[in-house]
N, C-alpha and C. Protein backbone atom coordinates (compact mmCIF):
# COMPACT_ATOMS: atom_id res chain seq x y z
N MET A 1 126.95 -140.17 -294.28
CA MET A 1 126.47 -139.34 -293.65
C MET A 1 124.29 -139.72 -293.77
N ASN A 2 124.35 -139.13 -292.34
CA ASN A 2 122.82 -139.45 -292.28
C ASN A 2 121.76 -138.36 -292.54
N GLY A 3 120.49 -138.75 -291.58
CA GLY A 3 119.38 -137.54 -292.97
C GLY A 3 119.10 -137.39 -291.62
N THR A 4 119.90 -137.33 -290.55
CA THR A 4 119.77 -135.17 -289.58
C THR A 4 120.83 -134.33 -290.40
N ASP A 5 121.72 -134.65 -291.00
CA ASP A 5 122.22 -133.31 -291.56
C ASP A 5 121.75 -132.38 -292.58
N PRO A 6 122.26 -130.76 -291.24
CA PRO A 6 121.16 -130.28 -291.58
C PRO A 6 121.18 -129.38 -293.75
N LYS A 7 122.19 -129.92 -293.97
CA LYS A 7 122.56 -129.19 -295.54
C LYS A 7 121.50 -130.29 -296.72
N THR A 8 121.35 -131.60 -295.85
CA THR A 8 120.60 -132.49 -296.96
C THR A 8 118.98 -131.79 -296.80
N VAL A 9 118.91 -131.07 -295.51
CA VAL A 9 117.08 -130.88 -295.01
C VAL A 9 116.97 -129.21 -296.09
N TYR A 10 118.02 -128.89 -296.01
CA TYR A 10 118.33 -127.90 -296.54
C TYR A 10 118.41 -127.75 -298.80
N ARG A 11 118.53 -128.91 -298.88
CA ARG A 11 118.43 -128.88 -300.02
C ARG A 11 116.97 -129.62 -300.43
N TYR A 12 116.55 -130.07 -300.08
CA TYR A 12 114.83 -130.62 -299.60
C TYR A 12 114.21 -129.59 -299.53
N ASP A 13 114.09 -128.18 -298.80
CA ASP A 13 113.26 -127.37 -299.04
C ASP A 13 114.01 -126.21 -299.25
N THR A 14 113.20 -125.63 -300.33
CA THR A 14 114.85 -124.58 -300.54
C THR A 14 113.29 -122.80 -300.60
N GLY A 15 113.80 -122.67 -299.21
CA GLY A 15 112.81 -121.29 -299.17
C GLY A 15 111.51 -121.50 -298.00
N GLY A 16 111.39 -122.46 -297.65
CA GLY A 16 109.86 -123.55 -297.46
C GLY A 16 108.48 -122.94 -298.82
N SER A 17 109.43 -122.90 -299.59
CA SER A 17 107.82 -123.72 -300.59
C SER A 17 107.23 -124.37 -300.71
N GLY A 18 107.68 -125.67 -300.65
CA GLY A 18 106.81 -126.97 -299.60
C GLY A 18 105.67 -126.24 -298.67
N PHE A 19 106.24 -126.51 -297.95
CA PHE A 19 105.36 -126.26 -296.42
C PHE A 19 104.92 -125.63 -296.90
N LYS A 20 104.69 -124.09 -297.72
CA LYS A 20 103.42 -122.85 -297.94
C LYS A 20 102.65 -123.21 -298.65
N LYS A 21 102.78 -124.54 -299.58
CA LYS A 21 101.65 -124.79 -300.85
C LYS A 21 100.88 -126.05 -300.08
N ALA A 22 101.58 -126.79 -298.81
CA ALA A 22 100.73 -127.56 -298.69
C ALA A 22 99.90 -127.28 -297.48
N ALA A 23 100.29 -125.74 -297.01
CA ALA A 23 99.43 -124.68 -296.11
C ALA A 23 98.21 -124.52 -296.67
N PHE A 24 98.62 -124.02 -297.74
CA PHE A 24 97.57 -123.71 -298.08
C PHE A 24 96.42 -124.42 -298.46
N PHE A 25 96.70 -125.58 -299.09
CA PHE A 25 95.86 -126.71 -299.85
C PHE A 25 95.30 -127.11 -298.36
N LEU A 26 96.05 -127.24 -297.20
CA LEU A 26 94.96 -127.84 -296.81
C LEU A 26 94.33 -126.25 -295.85
N LEU A 27 94.80 -125.09 -295.53
CA LEU A 27 93.51 -124.57 -295.70
C LEU A 27 92.40 -124.19 -296.31
N ILE A 28 92.70 -125.15 -297.05
CA ILE A 28 90.97 -124.23 -298.27
C ILE A 28 90.31 -125.45 -297.89
N LEU A 29 91.27 -127.00 -298.00
CA LEU A 29 89.89 -128.57 -298.18
C LEU A 29 89.38 -128.25 -296.35
N ALA A 30 90.15 -127.41 -295.01
CA ALA A 30 89.46 -127.32 -293.95
C ALA A 30 88.55 -126.35 -293.92
N GLY A 31 88.34 -125.35 -295.04
CA GLY A 31 87.54 -124.87 -295.55
C GLY A 31 85.92 -125.27 -296.72
N LEU A 32 86.33 -125.64 -296.85
CA LEU A 32 85.86 -126.55 -297.25
C LEU A 32 84.49 -127.97 -296.57
N MET A 33 85.54 -128.03 -295.61
CA MET A 33 85.01 -129.28 -294.95
C MET A 33 84.00 -128.52 -294.19
N ALA A 34 84.10 -127.18 -294.07
CA ALA A 34 83.82 -126.43 -292.36
C ALA A 34 82.07 -126.13 -293.98
N VAL A 35 82.38 -125.79 -295.06
CA VAL A 35 81.12 -125.21 -295.61
C VAL A 35 80.32 -126.85 -295.55
N PHE A 36 81.12 -128.26 -296.14
CA PHE A 36 79.92 -129.09 -295.51
C PHE A 36 79.97 -130.14 -294.84
N ALA A 37 79.84 -128.96 -293.49
CA ALA A 37 79.58 -129.38 -292.49
C ALA A 37 78.42 -128.63 -291.94
N ILE A 38 78.65 -127.41 -292.20
CA ILE A 38 77.13 -126.78 -292.02
C ILE A 38 75.97 -126.40 -292.78
N TYR A 39 76.20 -127.32 -294.80
CA TYR A 39 75.42 -127.91 -295.09
C TYR A 39 74.23 -129.60 -294.70
N TRP A 40 75.70 -129.80 -293.95
CA TRP A 40 74.82 -131.44 -293.50
C TRP A 40 73.92 -130.95 -292.10
N LEU A 41 75.09 -129.95 -291.40
CA LEU A 41 73.99 -130.40 -289.35
C LEU A 41 73.38 -129.32 -290.23
N THR A 42 72.50 -128.07 -291.08
CA THR A 42 71.41 -127.33 -291.05
C THR A 42 70.69 -127.89 -291.22
N PRO A 43 70.14 -129.06 -291.86
CA PRO A 43 68.71 -129.45 -291.26
C PRO A 43 68.36 -130.38 -289.80
N PHE A 44 69.91 -130.80 -289.61
CA PHE A 44 69.61 -131.12 -288.29
C PHE A 44 69.08 -129.63 -287.32
N LEU A 45 69.74 -129.03 -287.32
CA LEU A 45 69.72 -127.69 -286.33
C LEU A 45 67.98 -126.93 -287.09
N GLY A 46 67.12 -126.65 -288.09
CA GLY A 46 66.78 -126.68 -288.43
C GLY A 46 65.03 -126.85 -288.41
N ALA A 47 65.04 -128.12 -288.30
CA ALA A 47 63.99 -129.31 -287.51
C ALA A 47 63.86 -128.70 -285.53
């Protein structure tokens, strides 16, 4: 039993639900970082 067995991969990833949750979480983090960047850069751009 090596780690590259397809059965092992399918057992731990059921329908890609974990990937969808991780992608959604990362998109939310990216949005929050963009909002924070705009809030942080506004005083410098307005000066």
